[in-house]
């Protein structure tokens, strides 16, 4: 029998409530700041109640209107760039990692474990270590200010390859033998057996990689100089051009608020699959 401890339950709930408030309060301030004029925000103290310019600021930021300083690129364009980059990075990482793990587990070829450890060792190399040579290659290929330059250097994932490899190792050998007896080739086995079994893991990784691609800052900051190719995260930074009084914080906060929505919608929409993919005991 589970012993009930009212005081312990109260403390646990109080900590959870404080944690929610700590996370939610900055979001609330963002919503409030997006509803006022730029002059009202820089006054001390800053208003903590909703203003009457919320939708006007959203529309101005969405169309790139009303900005006197910083980047004047419309948020609509920046959101499209971020969405394309996030989807390409997430889907490409998953596709490449699935095929890489499939080859490492089900094919016998010389140097198989050497290739696996070469992939695994790249986990120890952060992006900053290889960002100089990568930028040189992208520049030499003429991929600056392009979707290819924003996405191709980021589509390989040693982490996803490792996770899929570990999962494929748990697939019973009887399934492989049954598929072989039915005349299924390697790709048929991959498509009809492994992919359905990996669906929850794919969904969980898609959420993680989509947020990773959406929140990219350092790499897009280096390879984009054209306002039309700014992802929204870089666009927010470009909108900040000077001191507090010089910036239109109402439009910056409206842009930040819109930038939060797609990752939040992806997490909410795929929450069931995401949690199942992380905690499923068979994975």
C-alpha atoms as a PDB file:
ATOM      1  CA  UNK A   1       0.000   0.000   0.000  1.00  0.00           C
ATOM      2  CA  UNK A   2       1.272   3.465  -0.860  1.00  0.00           C
ATOM      3  CA  UNK A   3       1.567   5.619   2.221  1.00  0.00           C
ATOM      4  CA  UNK A   4      -0.130   9.002   1.907  1.00  0.00           C
ATOM      5  CA  UNK A   5       1.861  11.949   3.129  1.00  0.00           C
ATOM      6  CA  UNK A   6      -0.221  15.155   2.829  1.00  0.00           C
ATOM      7  CA  UNK A   7       2.687  17.433   3.716  1.00  0.00           C
ATOM      8  CA  UNK A   8       4.989  15.817   1.165  1.00  0.00           C
ATOM      9  CA  UNK A   9       2.279  16.027  -1.493  1.00  0.00           C
ATOM     10  CA  UNK A  10       1.775  19.712  -0.692  1.00  0.00           C
ATOM     11  CA  UNK A  11       5.503  20.434  -0.992  1.00  0.00           C
ATOM     12  CA  UNK A  12       5.720  18.553  -4.304  1.00  0.00           C
ATOM     13  CA  UNK A  13       2.775  20.467  -5.750  1.00  0.00           C
ATOM     14  CA  UNK A  14       4.122  23.779  -4.443  1.00  0.00           C
ATOM     15  CA  UNK A  15       7.468  23.150  -6.159  1.00  0.00           C
ATOM     16  CA  UNK A  16       5.669  22.258  -9.398  1.00  0.00           C
ATOM     17  CA  UNK A  17       3.551  25.417  -9.230  1.00  0.00           C
ATOM     18  CA  UNK A  18       6.636  27.562  -8.614  1.00  0.00           C
ATOM     19  CA  UNK A  19       8.366  25.899 -11.550  1.00  0.00           C
ATOM     20  CA  UNK A  20       5.400  26.583 -13.828  1.00  0.00           C
ATOM     21  CA  UNK A  21       5.290  30.219 -12.695  1.00  0.00           C
ATOM     22  CA  UNK A  22       9.027  30.632 -13.293  1.00  0.00           C
ATOM     23  CA  UNK A  23       8.614  29.341 -16.848  1.00  0.00           C
ATOM     24  CA  UNK A  24       5.315  31.082 -17.595  1.00  0.00           C
ATOM     25  CA  UNK A  25       6.148  34.555 -16.256  1.00  0.00           C
ATOM     26  CA  UNK A  26       8.656  35.466 -19.028  1.00  0.00           C
ATOM     27  CA  UNK A  27       6.104  34.297 -21.607  1.00  0.00           C
ATOM     28  CA  UNK A  28       3.480  36.486 -19.941  1.00  0.00           C
ATOM     29  CA  UNK A  29       5.867  39.474 -20.047  1.00  0.00           C
ATOM     30  CA  UNK A  30       6.425  38.801 -23.747  1.00  0.00           C
ATOM     31  CA  UNK A  31       2.667  38.864 -24.385  1.00  0.00           C
ATOM     32  CA  UNK A  32       2.265  42.064 -22.348  1.00  0.00           C
ATOM     33  CA  UNK A  33       5.178  43.796 -24.106  1.00  0.00           C
ATOM     34  CA  UNK A  34       3.723  42.804 -27.480  1.00  0.00           C
ATOM     35  CA  UNK A  35       0.506  44.643 -26.604  1.00  0.00           C
ATOM     36  CA  UNK A  36       1.992  48.089 -25.849  1.00  0.00           C
ATOM     37  CA  UNK A  37       3.755  50.817 -27.763  1.00  0.00           C
ATOM     38  CA  UNK A  38       7.553  50.974 -27.817  1.00  0.00           C
ATOM     39  CA  UNK A  39       7.490  54.106 -25.638  1.00  0.00           C
ATOM     40  CA  UNK A  40       5.388  52.450 -22.943  1.00  0.00           C
ATOM     41  CA  UNK A  41       7.699  49.454 -22.648  1.00  0.00           C
ATOM     42  CA  UNK A  42      10.869  51.439 -21.925  1.00  0.00           C
ATOM     43  CA  UNK A  43       9.207  53.427 -19.156  1.00  0.00           C
ATOM     44  CA  UNK A  44       9.936  52.476 -15.550  1.00  0.00           C
ATOM     45  CA  UNK A  45       8.196  50.513 -14.278  1.00  0.00           C
ATOM     46  CA  UNK A  46       7.169  48.506 -17.313  1.00  0.00           C
ATOM     47  CA  UNK A  47       3.398  47.863 -17.548  1.00  0.00           C
ATOM     48  CA  UNK A  48       2.358  44.431 -16.305  1.00  0.00           C
ATOM     49  CA  UNK A  49      -1.154  44.500 -17.753  1.00  0.00           C
ATOM     50  CA  UNK A  50      -2.293  44.009 -21.322  1.00  0.00           C
ATOM     51  CA  UNK A  51      -2.348  47.007 -23.659  1.00  0.00           C
ATOM     52  CA  UNK A  52      -4.536  47.682 -26.654  1.00  0.00           C
ATOM     53  CA  UNK A  53      -2.018  47.223 -29.504  1.00  0.00           C
ATOM     54  CA  UNK A  54      -1.507  43.463 -29.418  1.00  0.00           C
ATOM     55  CA  UNK A  55      -3.017  42.609 -32.800  1.00  0.00           C
ATOM     56  CA  UNK A  56      -1.702  45.813 -34.379  1.00  0.00           C
ATOM     57  CA  UNK A  57       1.849  44.919 -33.310  1.00  0.00           C
ATOM     58  CA  UNK A  58       1.410  41.335 -34.552  1.00  0.00           C
ATOM     59  CA  UNK A  59       0.267  42.590 -37.954  1.00  0.00           C
ATOM     60  CA  UNK A  60       3.093  45.156 -38.164  1.00  0.00           C
ATOM     61  CA  UNK A  61       5.728  42.559 -37.253  1.00  0.00           C
ATOM     62  CA  UNK A  62       4.230  39.968 -39.614  1.00  0.00           C
ATOM     63  CA  UNK A  63       4.464  42.337 -42.562  1.00  0.00           C
ATOM     64  CA  UNK A  64       7.706  44.072 -41.539  1.00  0.00           C
ATOM     65  CA  UNK A  65       5.934  47.401 -41.188  1.00  0.00           C
ATOM     66  CA  UNK A  66       6.506  50.207 -38.731  1.00  0.00           C
ATOM     67  CA  UNK A  67      10.170  49.455 -38.050  1.00  0.00           C
ATOM     68  CA  UNK A  68      12.535  52.393 -37.946  1.00  0.00           C
ATOM     69  CA  UNK A  69      15.703  50.570 -36.845  1.00  0.00           C
ATOM     70  CA  UNK A  70      17.189  47.112 -37.263  1.00  0.00           C
ATOM     71  CA  UNK A  71      16.110  44.502 -39.769  1.00  0.00           C
ATOM     72  CA  UNK A  72      12.949  45.290 -41.703  1.00  0.00           C
ATOM     73  CA  UNK A  73      12.420  41.765 -43.042  1.00  0.00           C
ATOM     74  CA  UNK A  74       8.810  40.616 -42.576  1.00  0.00           C
ATOM     75  CA  UNK A  75       8.283  37.947 -39.945  1.00  0.00           C
ATOM     76  CA  UNK A  76       6.179  35.991 -42.438  1.00  0.00           C
ATOM     77  CA  UNK A  77       9.255  35.457 -44.611  1.00  0.00           C
ATOM     78  CA  UNK A  78      11.460  34.607 -41.627  1.00  0.00           C
ATOM     79  CA  UNK A  79       8.922  32.050 -40.391  1.00  0.00           C
ATOM     80  CA  UNK A  80       8.881  30.381 -43.812  1.00  0.00           C
ATOM     81  CA  UNK A  81      12.690  30.168 -43.828  1.00  0.00           C
ATOM     82  CA  UNK A  82      12.735  28.719 -40.305  1.00  0.00           C
ATOM     83  CA  UNK A  83       9.981  26.226 -41.130  1.00  0.00           C
ATOM     84  CA  UNK A  84      11.731  24.990 -44.274  1.00  0.00           C
ATOM     85  CA  UNK A  85      15.056  24.666 -42.443  1.00  0.00           C
ATOM     86  CA  UNK A  86      13.519  22.874 -39.453  1.00  0.00           C
ATOM     87  CA  UNK A  87      11.611  20.390 -41.619  1.00  0.00           C
ATOM     88  CA  UNK A  88      14.561  19.683 -43.928  1.00  0.00           C
ATOM     89  CA  UNK A  89      16.967  19.223 -41.003  1.00  0.00           C
ATOM     90  CA  UNK A  90      14.572  17.011 -39.014  1.00  0.00           C
ATOM     91  CA  UNK A  91      13.468  14.787 -41.903  1.00  0.00           C
ATOM     92  CA  UNK A  92      16.976  14.516 -43.379  1.00  0.00           C
ATOM     93  CA  UNK A  93      18.544  13.626 -40.030  1.00  0.00           C
ATOM     94  CA  UNK A  94      15.972  10.893 -39.476  1.00  0.00           C
ATOM     95  CA  UNK A  95      16.269   9.485 -43.012  1.00  0.00           C
ATOM     96  CA  UNK A  96      20.082   9.437 -43.014  1.00  0.00           C
ATOM     97  CA  UNK A  97      20.253   8.022 -39.482  1.00  0.00           C
ATOM     98  CA  UNK A  98      17.755   5.242 -40.247  1.00  0.00           C
ATOM     99  CA  UNK A  99      19.680   4.138 -43.325  1.00  0.00           C
ATOM    100  CA  UNK A 100      23.043   4.426 -41.564  1.00  0.00           C
ATOM    101  CA  UNK A 101      21.871   2.361 -38.607  1.00  0.00           C
ATOM    102  CA  UNK A 102      20.276  -0.193 -40.958  1.00  0.00           C
ATOM    103  CA  UNK A 103      23.556  -0.628 -42.828  1.00  0.00           C
ATOM    104  CA  UNK A 104      25.599  -0.910 -39.625  1.00  0.00           C
ATOM    105  CA  UNK A 105      23.347  -3.579 -38.108  1.00  0.00           C
ATOM    106  CA  UNK A 106      22.189  -5.734 -41.021  1.00  0.00           C
ATOM    107  CA  UNK A 107      25.083  -5.626 -43.487  1.00  0.00           C
ATOM    108  CA  UNK A 108      28.442  -7.308 -42.998  1.00  0.00           C
ATOM    109  CA  UNK A 109      31.244  -5.389 -44.671  1.00  0.00           C
ATOM    110  CA  UNK A 110      34.919  -4.716 -43.867  1.00  0.00           C
ATOM    111  CA  UNK A 111      35.430  -1.926 -41.357  1.00  0.00           C
ATOM    112  CA  UNK A 112      31.806  -1.928 -40.194  1.00  0.00           C
ATOM    113  CA  UNK A 113      32.670  -1.266 -36.545  1.00  0.00           C
ATOM    114  CA  UNK A 114      35.321   1.243 -37.592  1.00  0.00           C
ATOM    115  CA  UNK A 115      32.646   3.251 -39.387  1.00  0.00           C
ATOM    116  CA  UNK A 116      30.365   2.995 -36.367  1.00  0.00           C
ATOM    117  CA  UNK A 117      33.016   4.305 -33.982  1.00  0.00           C
ATOM    118  CA  UNK A 118      33.962   7.044 -36.451  1.00  0.00           C
ATOM    119  CA  UNK A 119      30.339   8.173 -36.384  1.00  0.00           C
ATOM    120  CA  UNK A 120      30.141   7.842 -32.612  1.00  0.00           C
ATOM    121  CA  UNK A 121      33.318   9.870 -32.019  1.00  0.00           C
ATOM    122  CA  UNK A 122      31.774  12.855 -33.794  1.00  0.00           C
ATOM    123  CA  UNK A 123      29.502  13.242 -30.733  1.00  0.00           C
ATOM    124  CA  UNK A 124      32.568  14.651 -28.984  1.00  0.00           C
ATOM    125  CA  UNK A 125      33.004  17.379 -31.599  1.00  0.00           C
ATOM    126  CA  UNK A 126      30.626  20.310 -31.092  1.00  0.00           C
ATOM    127  CA  UNK A 127      29.564  22.461 -34.008  1.00  0.00           C
ATOM    128  CA  UNK A 128      31.960  25.227 -32.954  1.00  0.00           C
ATOM    129  CA  UNK A 129      34.990  22.955 -33.516  1.00  0.00           C
ATOM    130  CA  UNK A 130      34.222  22.429 -37.216  1.00  0.00           C
ATOM    131  CA  UNK A 131      32.362  25.626 -37.962  1.00  0.00           C
ATOM    132  CA  UNK A 132      35.369  27.338 -39.606  1.00  0.00           C
ATOM    133  CA  UNK A 133      36.153  24.614 -42.159  1.00  0.00           C
ATOM    134  CA  UNK A 134      32.434  24.051 -42.770  1.00  0.00           C
ATOM    135  CA  UNK A 135      31.905  27.732 -43.502  1.00  0.00           C
ATOM    136  CA  UNK A 136      34.856  27.693 -45.921  1.00  0.00           C
ATOM    137  CA  UNK A 137      33.393  24.743 -47.827  1.00  0.00           C
ATOM    138  CA  UNK A 138      29.914  26.299 -47.975  1.00  0.00           C
ATOM    139  CA  UNK A 139      31.393  29.584 -49.164  1.00  0.00           C
ATOM    140  CA  UNK A 140      33.521  27.930 -51.852  1.00  0.00           C
ATOM    141  CA  UNK A 141      30.469  26.074 -53.144  1.00  0.00           C
ATOM    142  CA  UNK A 142      28.473  29.311 -53.376  1.00  0.00           C
ATOM    143  CA  UNK A 143      25.848  28.167 -50.879  1.00  0.00           C
ATOM    144  CA  UNK A 144      25.759  31.298 -48.717  1.00  0.00           C
ATOM    145  CA  UNK A 145      22.285  32.835 -48.361  1.00  0.00           C
ATOM    146  CA  UNK A 146      20.610  29.651 -49.554  1.00  0.00           C
ATOM    147  CA  UNK A 147      18.481  26.889 -48.064  1.00  0.00           C
ATOM    148  CA  UNK A 148      21.189  24.381 -48.979  1.00  0.00           C
ATOM    149  CA  UNK A 149      23.803  26.330 -47.019  1.00  0.00           C
ATOM    150  CA  UNK A 150      21.472  26.589 -44.027  1.00  0.00           C
ATOM    151  CA  UNK A 151      20.571  22.911 -43.882  1.00  0.00           C
ATOM    152  CA  UNK A 152      23.091  20.556 -45.534  1.00  0.00           C
ATOM    153  CA  UNK A 153      25.888  21.008 -42.923  1.00  0.00           C
ATOM    154  CA  UNK A 154      23.401  20.146 -40.159  1.00  0.00           C
ATOM    155  CA  UNK A 155      21.589  17.095 -41.525  1.00  0.00           C
ATOM    156  CA  UNK A 156      23.916  14.373 -40.190  1.00  0.00           C
ATOM    157  CA  UNK A 157      23.258  13.133 -36.658  1.00  0.00           C
ATOM    158  CA  UNK A 158      25.485  10.709 -34.784  1.00  0.00           C
ATOM    159  CA  UNK A 159      23.039  10.676 -31.868  1.00  0.00           C
ATOM    160  CA  UNK A 160      20.090   9.554 -33.988  1.00  0.00           C
ATOM    161  CA  UNK A 161      22.251   6.956 -35.767  1.00  0.00           C
ATOM    162  CA  UNK A 162      23.343   5.534 -32.426  1.00  0.00           C
ATOM    163  CA  UNK A 163      19.776   5.413 -31.079  1.00  0.00           C
ATOM    164  CA  UNK A 164      18.395   3.677 -34.162  1.00  0.00           C
ATOM    165  CA  UNK A 165      21.298   1.222 -34.183  1.00  0.00           C
ATOM    166  CA  UNK A 166      20.620   0.269 -30.572  1.00  0.00           C
ATOM    167  CA  UNK A 167      16.943  -0.223 -31.373  1.00  0.00           C
ATOM    168  CA  UNK A 168      17.615  -2.340 -34.459  1.00  0.00           C
ATOM    169  CA  UNK A 169      19.855  -4.593 -32.357  1.00  0.00           C
ATOM    170  CA  UNK A 170      16.803  -5.460 -30.225  1.00  0.00           C
ATOM    171  CA  UNK A 171      14.750  -6.639 -33.220  1.00  0.00           C
ATOM    172  CA  UNK A 172      14.495 -10.460 -33.047  1.00  0.00           C
ATOM    173  CA  UNK A 173      16.494 -12.382 -35.619  1.00  0.00           C
ATOM    174  CA  UNK A 174      13.352 -14.419 -36.322  1.00  0.00           C
ATOM    175  CA  UNK A 175      11.856 -11.409 -38.103  1.00  0.00           C
ATOM    176  CA  UNK A 176      14.868 -11.226 -40.393  1.00  0.00           C
ATOM    177  CA  UNK A 177      14.656 -14.941 -41.166  1.00  0.00           C
ATOM    178  CA  UNK A 178      10.897 -14.747 -41.776  1.00  0.00           C
ATOM    179  CA  UNK A 179      11.333 -11.827 -44.167  1.00  0.00           C
ATOM    180  CA  UNK A 180      14.085 -13.683 -46.006  1.00  0.00           C
ATOM    181  CA  UNK A 181      11.927 -16.803 -46.344  1.00  0.00           C
ATOM    182  CA  UNK A 182       9.113 -14.672 -47.774  1.00  0.00           C
ATOM    183  CA  UNK A 183      11.484 -13.387 -50.428  1.00  0.00           C
ATOM    184  CA  UNK A 184      11.759  -9.859 -49.048  1.00  0.00           C
ATOM    185  CA  UNK A 185      14.917  -8.011 -50.005  1.00  0.00           C
ATOM    186  CA  UNK A 186      16.829  -5.694 -47.659  1.00  0.00           C
ATOM    187  CA  UNK A 187      14.909  -2.539 -48.562  1.00  0.00           C
ATOM    188  CA  UNK A 188      11.563  -4.365 -48.400  1.00  0.00           C
ATOM    189  CA  UNK A 189      12.459  -5.590 -44.908  1.00  0.00           C
ATOM    190  CA  UNK A 190      13.505  -2.059 -43.980  1.00  0.00           C
ATOM    191  CA  UNK A 191      10.292  -0.493 -45.308  1.00  0.00           C
ATOM    192  CA  UNK A 192       7.740  -3.076 -44.179  1.00  0.00           C
ATOM    193  CA  UNK A 193       9.241  -4.238 -40.879  1.00  0.00           C
ATOM    194  CA  UNK A 194      11.769  -1.854 -39.396  1.00  0.00           C
ATOM    195  CA  UNK A 195      10.039   1.438 -40.219  1.00  0.00           C
ATOM    196  CA  UNK A 196       6.702   0.496 -38.584  1.00  0.00           C
ATOM    197  CA  UNK A 197       8.538  -0.795 -35.515  1.00  0.00           C
ATOM    198  CA  UNK A 198      10.527   2.468 -35.338  1.00  0.00           C
ATOM    199  CA  UNK A 199       7.534   4.808 -35.702  1.00  0.00           C
ATOM    200  CA  UNK A 200       7.474   5.997 -32.073  1.00  0.00           C
ATOM    201  CA  UNK A 201      11.231   6.550 -32.022  1.00  0.00           C
ATOM    202  CA  UNK A 202      10.985   8.454 -35.309  1.00  0.00           C
ATOM    203  CA  UNK A 203       8.215  10.656 -33.887  1.00  0.00           C
ATOM    204  CA  UNK A 204      10.202  11.432 -30.736  1.00  0.00           C
ATOM    205  CA  UNK A 205      13.317  12.268 -32.736  1.00  0.00           C
ATOM    206  CA  UNK A 206      11.299  14.386 -35.161  1.00  0.00           C
ATOM    207  CA  UNK A 207      10.118  16.610 -32.308  1.00  0.00           C
ATOM    208  CA  UNK A 208      13.640  16.967 -30.927  1.00  0.00           C
ATOM    209  CA  UNK A 209      15.234  17.623 -34.311  1.00  0.00           C
ATOM    210  CA  UNK A 210      12.490  20.028 -35.430  1.00  0.00           C
ATOM    211  CA  UNK A 211      13.096  22.172 -32.347  1.00  0.00           C
ATOM    212  CA  UNK A 212      16.859  21.861 -32.931  1.00  0.00           C
ATOM    213  CA  UNK A 213      16.483  23.081 -36.506  1.00  0.00           C
ATOM    214  CA  UNK A 214      14.033  25.845 -35.597  1.00  0.00           C
ATOM    215  CA  UNK A 215      16.273  27.238 -32.849  1.00  0.00           C
ATOM    216  CA  UNK A 216      19.488  27.297 -34.896  1.00  0.00           C
ATOM    217  CA  UNK A 217      21.266  30.620 -34.344  1.00  0.00           C
ATOM    218  CA  UNK A 218      25.043  30.464 -34.699  1.00  0.00           C
ATOM    219  CA  UNK A 219      25.219  28.747 -38.101  1.00  0.00           C
ATOM    220  CA  UNK A 220      22.499  30.871 -39.801  1.00  0.00           C
ATOM    221  CA  UNK A 221      24.113  33.969 -38.310  1.00  0.00           C
ATOM    222  CA  UNK A 222      27.302  33.139 -40.247  1.00  0.00           C
ATOM    223  CA  UNK A 223      25.882  32.036 -43.586  1.00  0.00           C
ATOM    224  CA  UNK A 224      23.106  34.615 -44.070  1.00  0.00           C
ATOM    225  CA  UNK A 225      23.619  38.263 -44.924  1.00  0.00           C
ATOM    226  CA  UNK A 226      20.463  38.714 -46.997  1.00  0.00           C
ATOM    227  CA  UNK A 227      17.402  39.736 -44.965  1.00  0.00           C
ATOM    228  CA  UNK A 228      15.232  37.481 -47.124  1.00  0.00           C
ATOM    229  CA  UNK A 229      17.121  34.414 -45.824  1.00  0.00           C
ATOM    230  CA  UNK A 230      17.052  35.218 -42.102  1.00  0.00           C
ATOM    231  CA  UNK A 231      15.492  32.501 -39.939  1.00  0.00           C
ATOM    232  CA  UNK A 232      13.239  33.991 -37.295  1.00  0.00           C
ATOM    233  CA  UNK A 233      15.757  33.461 -34.464  1.00  0.00           C
ATOM    234  CA  UNK A 234      18.406  35.444 -36.355  1.00  0.00           C
ATOM    235  CA  UNK A 235      15.776  37.968 -37.409  1.00  0.00           C
ATOM    236  CA  UNK A 236      14.971  38.751 -33.782  1.00  0.00           C
ATOM    237  CA  UNK A 237      18.625  39.497 -33.105  1.00  0.00           C
ATOM    238  CA  UNK A 238      18.860  41.674 -36.233  1.00  0.00           C
ATOM    239  CA  UNK A 239      15.851  43.696 -35.086  1.00  0.00           C
ATOM    240  CA  UNK A 240      17.802  44.814 -32.000  1.00  0.00           C
ATOM    241  CA  UNK A 241      19.950  47.656 -33.292  1.00  0.00           C
ATOM    242  CA  UNK A 242      20.878  49.867 -30.356  1.00  0.00           C
ATOM    243  CA  UNK A 243      20.022  50.852 -26.800  1.00  0.00           C
ATOM    244  CA  UNK A 244      16.674  50.230 -25.154  1.00  0.00           C
ATOM    245  CA  UNK A 245      15.188  53.507 -26.325  1.00  0.00           C
ATOM    246  CA  UNK A 246      16.271  52.931 -29.931  1.00  0.00           C
ATOM    247  CA  UNK A 247      14.647  49.508 -30.294  1.00  0.00           C
ATOM    248  CA  UNK A 248      11.006  48.810 -30.998  1.00  0.00           C
ATOM    249  CA  UNK A 249      10.598  46.238 -28.262  1.00  0.00           C
ATOM    250  CA  UNK A 250       6.915  45.834 -28.916  1.00  0.00           C
ATOM    251  CA  UNK A 251       7.655  44.462 -32.398  1.00  0.00           C
ATOM    252  CA  UNK A 252      10.602  42.408 -31.122  1.00  0.00           C
ATOM    253  CA  UNK A 253       8.374  40.781 -28.506  1.00  0.00           C
ATOM    254  CA  UNK A 254       5.599  40.215 -31.022  1.00  0.00           C
ATOM    255  CA  UNK A 255       8.126  38.460 -33.258  1.00  0.00           C
ATOM    256  CA  UNK A 256       9.439  36.388 -30.341  1.00  0.00           C
ATOM    257  CA  UNK A 257       5.889  35.379 -29.481  1.00  0.00           C
ATOM    258  CA  UNK A 258       5.215  34.204 -33.022  1.00  0.00           C
ATOM    259  CA  UNK A 259       8.554  32.358 -33.057  1.00  0.00           C
ATOM    260  CA  UNK A 260       7.447  30.319 -30.037  1.00  0.00           C
ATOM    261  CA  UNK A 261       4.288  29.004 -31.672  1.00  0.00           C
ATOM    262  CA  UNK A 262       5.481  26.421 -34.265  1.00  0.00           C
ATOM    263  CA  UNK A 263       7.731  24.439 -31.851  1.00  0.00           C
ATOM    264  CA  UNK A 264       5.003  24.575 -29.210  1.00  0.00           C
ATOM    265  CA  UNK A 265       2.402  23.310 -31.687  1.00  0.00           C
ATOM    266  CA  UNK A 266       4.702  20.475 -32.799  1.00  0.00           C
ATOM    267  CA  UNK A 267       5.293  19.387 -29.181  1.00  0.00           C
ATOM    268  CA  UNK A 268       1.588  19.589 -28.307  1.00  0.00           C
ATOM    269  CA  UNK A 269       0.453  17.866 -31.482  1.00  0.00           C
ATOM    270  CA  UNK A 270       2.959  15.013 -31.165  1.00  0.00           C
ATOM    271  CA  UNK A 271       3.060  14.785 -27.380  1.00  0.00           C
ATOM    272  CA  UNK A 272       1.579  11.284 -27.237  1.00  0.00           C
ATOM    273  CA  UNK A 273       4.048   9.885 -29.771  1.00  0.00           C
ATOM    274  CA  UNK A 274       6.926  11.834 -28.242  1.00  0.00           C
ATOM    275  CA  UNK A 275       6.373  10.454 -24.742  1.00  0.00           C
ATOM    276  CA  UNK A 276       5.759   6.934 -26.044  1.00  0.00           C
ATOM    277  CA  UNK A 277       8.944   7.037 -28.066  1.00  0.00           C
ATOM    278  CA  UNK A 278      10.981   8.083 -25.031  1.00  0.00           C
ATOM    279  CA  UNK A 279       9.532   5.749 -22.386  1.00  0.00           C
ATOM    280  CA  UNK A 280       8.411   2.664 -24.318  1.00  0.00           C
ATOM    281  CA  UNK A 281      10.121  -0.189 -22.550  1.00  0.00           C
ATOM    282  CA  UNK A 282      10.668  -2.077 -25.804  1.00  0.00           C
ATOM    283  CA  UNK A 283      12.814   0.801 -27.104  1.00  0.00           C
END
